[in-house]
């Protein structure tokens, strides 16, 4: 009891770090805080400027903010280098929070001019206008947390942040090799190579020098134009560009099983999945949508846009939906939420709407407070 009282007085970050240390060795070693760790301050960084701490990305961890002559650098937890560029156009913390929180309100497409456009999903009509939001030479998009990957016309993979994305912002080379399509889940990027094979790489260690691992060695009989991952269904889906057919493969057994045809009434040449919905760039470059759980050879797709799209993306921003049940008043105990979209147990950080996903551990069965380990953050939707 004394140890627990001491833990409750620590900051949320310190308390979670102590939990991780105490539970290490008794839980899956993949349960880490890689994407939520605070950044180290390099020697001499922001030595002659205004230095402050602020939680810019709402993960409960203080980020380092440096301002000098209106130029900003931010070492953001989980992506330390993205905003560490000392530029006036670097968004302030408020803008990062706003854009990060609302990124999944939009559907993104690329067009034949290789530029990026977006539109609010809830306000879309068949002929509503698209907003140009990113400059050209991009043929396809992949979203992961706050990062946006772009596959260029040269088949190279580039990256920038949603919060930095604009018609003037630049893309940074993110990986070696040549890819034509891809998707990301759980810190893993899956890419379709120009040879038709599927490769993977860990996102948190990805660089222009890091190597890809081949996970599906046999190319599909037809040309794979895009892939999309349905995490809840443990499936990787593919659209073949020669015929517009859909295929699937069990994600946990990727490489060990064959593609299975998914009957559907239409043609899809590029796909993106979020939740139970699959979005499709179909014939005449229109955008269509269908519930995965109701997809059959005779069911009808709903057309949601008649504007010419080459590729389509619906970001998988990690948000928890449901009603919070405050079983504990402290900041370290696992709370519960009436929804399964992010799991069952959450760690409340301070008095904000930010929660860490928790996993039960048998390390201390009589102490419920000590039986959770933070894995990743998610935002509680209002």
Protein backbone atom coordinates (compact mmCIF):
# COMPACT_ATOMS: atom_id res chain seq x y z
CA UNK A 1 0.00 0.00 0.00
CA UNK A 2 2.83 2.38 0.80
CA UNK A 3 4.43 1.73 -2.59
CA UNK A 4 1.15 2.42 -4.36
CA UNK A 5 0.60 5.70 -2.52
CA UNK A 6 4.05 6.83 -3.56
CA UNK A 7 3.34 5.89 -7.17
CA UNK A 8 0.10 7.84 -7.23
CA UNK A 9 1.94 11.09 -6.41
CA UNK A 10 4.30 10.76 -9.38
CA UNK A 11 3.66 12.34 -12.76
CA UNK A 12 1.69 10.11 -15.18
CA UNK A 13 4.80 9.48 -17.26
CA UNK A 14 6.95 8.54 -14.26
CA UNK A 15 4.22 6.34 -12.86
CA UNK A 16 3.77 4.48 -16.14
CA UNK A 17 7.54 4.03 -16.48
CA UNK A 18 7.62 2.44 -13.03
CA UNK A 19 4.76 0.15 -14.00
CA UNK A 20 6.60 -0.91 -17.15
CA UNK A 21 9.76 -1.65 -15.17
CA UNK A 22 7.94 -3.62 -12.51
CA UNK A 23 5.94 -5.65 -15.01
CA UNK A 24 8.76 -6.33 -17.45
CA UNK A 25 9.44 -10.01 -17.82
CA UNK A 26 5.90 -10.99 -16.89
CA UNK A 27 4.16 -9.68 -20.00
CA UNK A 28 4.67 -9.78 -23.74
CA UNK A 29 7.87 -7.89 -24.55
CA UNK A 30 6.12 -6.28 -27.51
CA UNK A 31 4.03 -4.21 -25.11
CA UNK A 32 6.14 -1.07 -25.16
CA UNK A 33 5.69 2.66 -25.14
CA UNK A 34 7.80 3.15 -28.26
CA UNK A 35 5.37 5.49 -29.93
CA UNK A 36 4.72 7.55 -26.78
CA UNK A 37 8.20 7.98 -25.31
CA UNK A 38 9.49 11.45 -24.59
CA UNK A 39 12.38 12.70 -26.72
CA UNK A 40 15.86 13.29 -25.37
CA UNK A 41 17.20 16.83 -25.53
CA UNK A 42 20.33 16.89 -27.69
CA UNK A 43 23.36 18.65 -26.26
CA UNK A 44 23.12 22.37 -26.96
CA UNK A 45 19.61 22.12 -28.37
CA UNK A 46 17.68 25.40 -27.87
CA UNK A 47 20.51 26.89 -25.82
CA UNK A 48 19.95 30.48 -27.01
CA UNK A 49 16.19 30.55 -27.38
CA UNK A 50 12.95 30.21 -25.42
CA UNK A 51 12.70 26.63 -24.20
CA UNK A 52 9.46 25.23 -22.77
CA UNK A 53 7.43 22.06 -22.29
CA UNK A 54 3.93 21.45 -23.65
CA UNK A 55 1.89 18.36 -24.49
CA UNK A 56 1.39 19.09 -28.18
CA UNK A 57 0.07 15.72 -29.34
CA UNK A 58 -2.15 14.92 -26.35
CA UNK A 59 -0.39 11.76 -25.25
CA UNK A 60 0.26 12.83 -21.66
CA UNK A 61 3.97 13.38 -22.28
CA UNK A 62 5.52 16.86 -22.26
CA UNK A 63 7.09 17.80 -25.58
CA UNK A 64 10.07 20.14 -25.96
CA UNK A 65 9.28 23.47 -27.64
CA UNK A 66 11.97 25.88 -28.83
CA UNK A 67 11.17 29.34 -30.22
CA UNK A 68 13.71 31.81 -31.55
CA UNK A 69 12.85 34.84 -33.70
CA UNK A 70 9.44 33.32 -34.56
CA UNK A 71 11.08 30.12 -35.77
CA UNK A 72 9.89 26.99 -33.98
CA UNK A 73 11.29 23.55 -33.33
CA UNK A 74 9.32 20.91 -31.45
CA UNK A 75 10.67 17.56 -30.31
CA UNK A 76 7.38 15.67 -30.27
CA UNK A 77 7.04 12.40 -28.37
CA UNK A 78 7.03 9.41 -30.71
CA UNK A 79 8.26 11.43 -33.70
CA UNK A 80 11.13 13.51 -32.39
CA UNK A 81 12.48 14.83 -35.69
CA UNK A 82 9.29 15.68 -37.62
CA UNK A 83 8.96 19.25 -36.31
CA UNK A 84 12.55 19.77 -35.21
CA UNK A 85 13.42 21.99 -38.18
CA UNK A 86 13.44 25.59 -36.81
CA UNK A 87 11.03 27.08 -39.34
CA UNK A 88 8.37 29.76 -39.01
CA UNK A 89 5.84 27.49 -40.73
CA UNK A 90 6.13 24.83 -38.01
CA UNK A 91 2.65 24.77 -36.43
CA UNK A 92 2.29 25.66 -32.79
CA UNK A 93 1.12 23.08 -30.28
CA UNK A 94 -2.51 24.13 -30.55
CA UNK A 95 -2.54 23.58 -34.31
CA UNK A 96 -0.80 20.20 -33.98
CA UNK A 97 -3.44 19.09 -31.49
CA UNK A 98 -6.28 20.32 -33.68
CA UNK A 99 -5.03 18.75 -36.90
CA UNK A 100 -4.10 15.50 -35.22
CA UNK A 101 -7.51 15.21 -33.56
CA UNK A 102 -9.45 15.93 -36.76
CA UNK A 103 -7.30 14.08 -39.30
CA UNK A 104 -9.80 11.26 -39.65
CA UNK A 105 -12.68 13.64 -40.38
CA UNK A 106 -11.44 13.75 -43.97
CA UNK A 107 -11.15 11.46 -46.94
CA UNK A 108 -8.00 12.01 -48.99
CA UNK A 109 -7.45 11.28 -52.67
CA UNK A 110 -4.79 11.74 -55.32
CA UNK A 111 -5.78 12.77 -58.82
CA UNK A 112 -4.21 12.47 -62.26
CA UNK A 113 -2.16 15.61 -61.54
CA UNK A 114 -0.52 13.66 -58.67
CA UNK A 115 -1.61 16.26 -56.12
CA UNK A 116 -3.41 15.52 -52.84
CA UNK A 117 -6.97 16.58 -52.12
CA UNK A 118 -9.29 16.16 -49.15
CA UNK A 119 -12.93 16.50 -48.21
CA UNK A 120 -14.88 16.09 -44.98
CA UNK A 121 -16.55 12.70 -45.00
CA UNK A 122 -19.63 13.87 -43.12
CA UNK A 123 -20.30 16.65 -45.65
CA UNK A 124 -19.56 14.83 -48.88
CA UNK A 125 -22.03 14.72 -51.73
CA UNK A 126 -21.57 13.22 -55.18
CA UNK A 127 -20.37 16.50 -56.64
CA UNK A 128 -19.04 18.42 -53.65
CA UNK A 129 -15.67 20.06 -54.16
CA UNK A 130 -12.26 18.81 -53.10
CA UNK A 131 -9.70 20.97 -51.31
CA UNK A 132 -6.17 20.84 -52.65
CA UNK A 133 -4.03 20.04 -49.62
CA UNK A 134 -0.69 18.66 -50.81
CA UNK A 135 1.64 19.19 -53.72
CA UNK A 136 2.29 16.80 -56.52
CA UNK A 137 4.25 13.77 -57.66
CA UNK A 138 2.34 11.48 -55.25
CA UNK A 139 0.40 8.49 -56.59
CA UNK A 140 -0.83 6.96 -53.31
CA UNK A 141 -1.07 7.69 -49.59
CA UNK A 142 -0.65 5.68 -46.39
CA UNK A 143 -1.49 7.07 -42.94
CA UNK A 144 0.07 6.02 -39.65
CA UNK A 145 -0.58 7.94 -36.41
CA UNK A 146 0.35 11.54 -37.24
CA UNK A 147 2.59 10.49 -40.12
CA UNK A 148 1.47 10.55 -43.73
CA UNK A 149 3.42 8.46 -46.20
CA UNK A 150 3.34 9.32 -49.88
CA UNK A 151 4.35 6.94 -52.65
CA UNK A 152 5.87 9.06 -55.38
CA UNK A 153 5.65 8.79 -59.13
CA UNK A 154 9.23 7.49 -58.88
CA UNK A 155 7.96 4.66 -56.61
CA UNK A 156 9.92 6.02 -53.63
CA UNK A 157 8.32 6.37 -50.17
CA UNK A 158 8.23 9.81 -48.58
CA UNK A 159 6.82 11.11 -45.31
CA UNK A 160 5.49 14.20 -43.60
CA UNK A 161 3.06 15.03 -40.82
CA UNK A 162 -0.65 15.72 -41.19
CA UNK A 163 -0.09 18.91 -39.21
CA UNK A 164 2.57 20.07 -41.70
CA UNK A 165 0.73 19.01 -44.86
CA UNK A 166 0.08 21.93 -47.22
CA UNK A 167 0.39 22.83 -50.88
CA UNK A 168 3.87 24.18 -50.09
CA UNK A 169 5.18 21.56 -47.64
CA UNK A 170 7.97 19.22 -48.67
CA UNK A 171 8.15 15.45 -48.50
CA UNK A 172 11.14 13.72 -46.89
CA UNK A 173 12.49 10.42 -48.17
CA UNK A 174 11.45 7.76 -45.65
CA UNK A 175 12.65 4.42 -47.03
CA UNK A 176 14.76 2.76 -49.67
CA UNK A 177 13.44 0.61 -52.48
CA UNK A 178 10.53 0.93 -54.88
CA UNK A 179 6.87 0.43 -53.92
CA UNK A 180 3.60 0.90 -55.78
CA UNK A 181 1.19 0.71 -52.82
CA UNK A 182 1.07 0.00 -49.09
CA UNK A 183 -0.68 0.22 -45.73
CA UNK A 184 0.42 0.39 -42.10
CA UNK A 185 -0.65 -1.12 -38.79
CA UNK A 186 0.97 -1.65 -35.36
CA UNK A 187 4.27 0.04 -36.26
CA UNK A 188 4.60 -2.06 -39.42
CA UNK A 189 4.52 -0.77 -42.97
CA UNK A 190 3.47 -3.32 -45.61
CA UNK A 191 4.44 -2.38 -49.14
CA UNK A 192 3.74 -3.84 -52.57
CA UNK A 193 6.99 -3.90 -54.49
CA UNK A 194 7.36 -3.25 -58.19
CA UNK A 195 7.99 -7.00 -58.51
CA UNK A 196 4.49 -7.75 -57.15
CA UNK A 197 5.79 -9.19 -53.87
CA UNK A 198 4.86 -7.82 -50.45
CA UNK A 199 7.47 -6.51 -48.05
CA UNK A 200 7.35 -5.15 -44.50
CA UNK A 201 9.39 -2.88 -42.29
CA UNK A 202 9.15 -1.46 -38.76
CA UNK A 203 8.04 2.16 -39.01
CA UNK A 204 9.74 3.43 -35.86
CA UNK A 205 13.15 2.36 -37.23
CA UNK A 206 12.45 3.02 -40.90
CA UNK A 207 15.04 5.10 -42.75
CA UNK A 208 16.42 5.48 -46.28
CA UNK A 209 19.04 2.89 -45.30
CA UNK A 210 16.94 0.30 -43.44
CA UNK A 211 16.11 -3.00 -45.11
CA UNK A 212 12.78 -4.50 -46.11
CA UNK A 213 11.69 -8.04 -45.20
CA UNK A 214 9.92 -10.04 -47.88
CA UNK A 215 6.71 -11.45 -46.38
CA UNK A 216 4.85 -12.68 -49.49
CA UNK A 217 7.27 -14.14 -52.00
CA UNK A 218 4.86 -15.17 -54.75
CA UNK A 219 3.40 -12.32 -56.80
CA UNK A 220 -0.35 -12.39 -57.37
CA UNK A 221 -1.41 -13.80 -60.71
CA UNK A 222 -2.96 -10.41 -61.42
CA UNK A 223 -1.38 -7.03 -60.79
CA UNK A 224 -1.91 -5.84 -57.17
CA UNK A 225 -2.77 -2.15 -57.38
CA UNK A 226 -3.32 -1.55 -53.65
CA UNK A 227 -3.60 -3.21 -50.26
CA UNK A 228 -5.57 -2.28 -47.15
CA UNK A 229 -5.41 -3.80 -43.68
CA UNK A 230 -8.45 -4.59 -41.56
CA UNK A 231 -6.88 -5.01 -38.15
CA UNK A 232 -10.05 -6.08 -36.32
CA UNK A 233 -10.62 -8.84 -38.87
CA UNK A 234 -6.93 -9.81 -38.98
CA UNK A 235 -7.01 -9.48 -42.76
CA UNK A 236 -4.98 -7.89 -45.49
CA UNK A 237 -7.09 -7.01 -48.52
CA UNK A 238 -5.83 -6.38 -52.03
CA UNK A 239 -7.33 -4.91 -55.19
CA UNK A 240 -5.99 -6.19 -58.50
CA UNK A 241 -5.65 -3.47 -61.08
CA UNK A 242 -6.14 -5.67 -64.14
CA UNK A 243 -9.68 -6.70 -63.26
CA UNK A 244 -10.85 -4.71 -60.21
CA UNK A 245 -11.30 -7.84 -58.09
CA UNK A 246 -10.81 -8.01 -54.32
CA UNK A 247 -8.71 -10.56 -52.45
CA UNK A 248 -7.83 -11.22 -48.84
CA UNK A 249 -5.17 -12.98 -46.80
CA UNK A 250 -5.01 -13.60 -43.04
CA UNK A 251 -2.66 -10.94 -41.68
CA UNK A 252 -1.29 -13.04 -38.82
CA UNK A 253 -0.41 -15.78 -41.35
CA UNK A 254 0.75 -13.45 -44.12
CA UNK A 255 3.15 -15.30 -46.38
CA UNK A 256 1.97 -18.74 -45.28
CA UNK A 257 -1.44 -18.69 -46.97
CA UNK A 258 -2.77 -17.90 -50.42
CA UNK A 259 -4.95 -15.02 -51.52
CA UNK A 260 -8.68 -15.77 -51.38
CA UNK A 261 -11.11 -14.03 -53.70
CA UNK A 262 -13.70 -11.74 -52.07
CA UNK A 263 -16.86 -11.71 -54.21
CA UNK A 264 -18.30 -8.23 -54.72
CA UNK A 265 -20.58 -6.49 -57.14
CA UNK A 266 -18.30 -3.98 -58.83
CA UNK A 267 -14.69 -3.15 -59.61
CA UNK A 268 -12.11 -1.70 -57.23
CA UNK A 269 -8.75 -0.47 -58.43
CA UNK A 270 -7.64 1.18 -55.19
CA UNK A 271 -8.91 0.53 -51.66
CA UNK A 272 -8.67 1.88 -48.12
CA UNK A 273 -10.25 0.46 -44.96
CA UNK A 274 -11.29 2.03 -41.67
CA UNK A 275 -13.41 0.21 -39.14
CA UNK A 276 -16.04 -1.87 -40.91
CA UNK A 277 -16.00 0.26 -44.07
CA UNK A 278 -14.02 -0.31 -47.24
CA UNK A 279 -13.55 2.62 -49.63
CA UNK A 280 -12.97 1.92 -53.31
CA UNK A 281 -11.79 3.87 -56.32
CA UNK A 282 -13.88 2.22 -58.94
CA UNK A 283 -14.83 2.64 -62.56
CA UNK A 284 -14.65 6.14 -64.06
CA UNK A 285 -12.51 7.03 -61.02
CA UNK A 286 -15.52 7.47 -58.74
CA UNK A 287 -15.27 6.77 -54.98
CA UNK A 288 -17.50 4.08 -53.48
CA UNK A 289 -18.08 2.73 -49.98
CA UNK A 290 -19.41 -0.53 -48.52
CA UNK A 291 -19.57 -2.28 -45.15
CA UNK A 292 -17.07 -5.10 -45.10
CA UNK A 293 -19.33 -7.23 -42.92
CA UNK A 294 -22.12 -6.97 -45.51
CA UNK A 295 -20.05 -7.32 -48.68
CA UNK A 296 -21.42 -10.01 -51.02
CA UNK A 297 -21.49 -10.74 -54.74
CA UNK A 298 -24.92 -9.15 -55.00
CA UNK A 299 -24.78 -6.28 -52.46
CA UNK A 300 -24.61 -2.72 -53.77
CA UNK A 301 -21.83 -0.22 -53.22
CA UNK A 302 -22.74 3.36 -52.28
CA UNK A 303 -21.16 5.97 -54.52
CA UNK A 304 -19.96 8.90 -52.40
CA UNK A 305 -18.03 10.98 -54.92
CA UNK A 306 -18.11 11.41 -58.69
CA UNK A 307 -14.84 13.35 -58.84
CA UNK A 308 -11.96 11.62 -60.60
CA UNK A 309 -9.70 9.90 -58.06
CA UNK A 310 -6.62 7.80 -58.65
CA UNK A 311 -6.13 6.59 -55.07
CA UNK A 312 -8.14 6.97 -51.87
CA UNK A 313 -7.22 7.13 -48.17
CA UNK A 314 -9.24 7.21 -44.96
CA UNK A 315 -6.78 7.70 -42.07
CA UNK A 316 -6.92 5.23 -39.20
CA UNK A 317 -6.54 7.70 -36.35
CA UNK A 318 -6.58 5.83 -33.04
CA UNK A 319 -9.62 7.19 -31.24
CA UNK A 320 -11.66 5.52 -28.54
CA UNK A 321 -15.39 5.84 -28.81
CA UNK A 322 -17.61 5.20 -25.81
CA UNK A 323 -18.54 6.32 -22.33
CA UNK A 324 -15.78 6.51 -19.76
CA UNK A 325 -16.43 4.73 -16.47
CA UNK A 326 -14.36 6.39 -13.75
CA UNK A 327 -13.84 3.50 -11.38
CA UNK A 328 -10.77 5.14 -9.85
CA UNK A 329 -10.07 8.80 -9.14
CA UNK A 330 -6.29 8.62 -9.39
CA UNK A 331 -4.28 9.07 -12.58
CA UNK A 332 -2.61 5.67 -12.67
CA UNK A 333 -5.36 3.09 -12.13
CA UNK A 334 -6.92 1.36 -15.11
CA UNK A 335 -10.32 2.72 -15.99
CA UNK A 336 -12.85 1.05 -18.25
CA UNK A 337 -14.73 2.18 -21.30
CA UNK A 338 -18.03 0.89 -22.72
CA UNK A 339 -16.65 0.08 -26.13
CA UNK A 340 -14.25 -2.36 -27.76
CA UNK A 341 -12.82 -0.15 -30.51
CA UNK A 342 -9.57 0.33 -28.60
CA UNK A 343 -9.68 -2.53 -26.12
CA UNK A 344 -11.05 -2.84 -22.62
CA UNK A 345 -8.87 -0.96 -20.18
CA UNK A 346 -7.51 2.57 -20.21
CA UNK A 347 -5.13 4.65 -18.15
CA UNK A 348 -6.36 8.16 -17.52
CA UNK A 349 -3.59 10.76 -17.80
CA UNK A 350 -4.25 13.86 -15.72
CA UNK A 351 -7.69 15.35 -16.18
CA UNK A 352 -7.69 15.52 -19.99
CA UNK A 353 -9.40 13.27 -22.51
CA UNK A 354 -6.20 11.31 -23.14
CA UNK A 355 -5.91 7.65 -22.19
CA UNK A 356 -3.28 4.97 -22.38
CA UNK A 357 -4.45 1.56 -23.50
CA UNK A 358 -3.75 -0.96 -20.74
CA UNK A 359 -3.23 -4.69 -20.71
CA UNK A 360 -3.93 -6.84 -17.68
CA UNK A 361 -0.97 -8.49 -16.04
CA UNK A 362 -0.91 -11.29 -13.44
CA UNK A 363 2.08 -9.72 -11.70
CA UNK A 364 0.00 -8.51 -8.77
CA UNK A 365 -3.43 -10.17 -8.74
CA UNK A 366 -4.51 -8.56 -5.46
CA UNK A 367 -3.64 -5.06 -6.62
CA UNK A 368 -5.87 -3.96 -9.51
CA UNK A 369 -4.03 -0.64 -9.68
CA UNK A 370 -0.73 -2.36 -10.42
CA UNK A 371 -2.10 -4.81 -12.96
CA UNK A 372 -2.03 -2.74 -16.11
CA UNK A 373 0.69 -1.75 -18.53
CA UNK A 374 0.30 1.20 -20.87
CA UNK A 375 0.73 0.36 -24.55
CA UNK A 376 -0.40 3.32 -26.61
CA UNK A 377 -2.47 6.46 -26.29
CA UNK A 378 -5.90 7.09 -27.72
CA UNK A 379 -8.26 10.03 -27.64
CA UNK A 380 -11.71 9.78 -26.12
CA UNK A 381 -14.14 11.18 -28.66
CA UNK A 382 -16.75 13.60 -27.32
